[in-house]
């Protein structure tokens, strides 16, 4: 079933195009908008009460990330999960985000304790309810806090724009593997190491989380192959 959007989902304090981008991105990642499905721009504009301009700006950004494809004279469609781009997103996390995570341990300030502890409290609650979309959003929120803790909060947007295809795999892993508490424990360990200023320790804990992507890809290949595009010419071992 396609998602039904509402003007209530938009906040007048923020850019319409950036909010529409996030709404569509989340719908694609959660499979509310299925691969190969068409985007009905007229319906989306009517549901959100917006003009075509912010929607087109959002669509262009999603097209840059290859989450959607624009076919001239035919329409706009949700792309399948492009495995090579999943691995590119993994490289971004494995290098850029890993570096930022180490810096967060080096630069940790007590003022971040309440923020991390609230994030972990919410994650545990979502894990207990097995709320996939909420838990996934909180997972990303945790890593966004790490960027701020490192002193480079704005770098989260670079990571976010680079990992759309990877996020689709991560989101489906929650649904297929049901490993909410395993991820929660990984985050708890990361927080403990961050607070202790232990760069090597938090890097080891984060690497465990990063490495979980590879079995998730294989499970997706086995359980939901129709979601994937390409990747037959190489394996995930090519970047490990």
Foldseek 3Di string as FASTA:
>chain_A
DADQAALVQDDPVDDLLVSLLVVVLLCLLLCSAPFFDFDDQVRNCVRNVHDSVSVVSSLVLCVVLVQWDQDPPPGIGGHFQEVVLLLQLLVCCLPVLLVLLLLLLQQADPVCVVVLVVLLVQLVVCLVVLVLSSNLVSLLVLSLSSNVSSVRNVCSVVSVSSNSSNSSLVSVCCVPVVPSVVSSVLSVQLVVSSVVSNSVSNSVSVVVVSVVSQVSVVVCCVPPVVRYDDDPVDHSVVVD
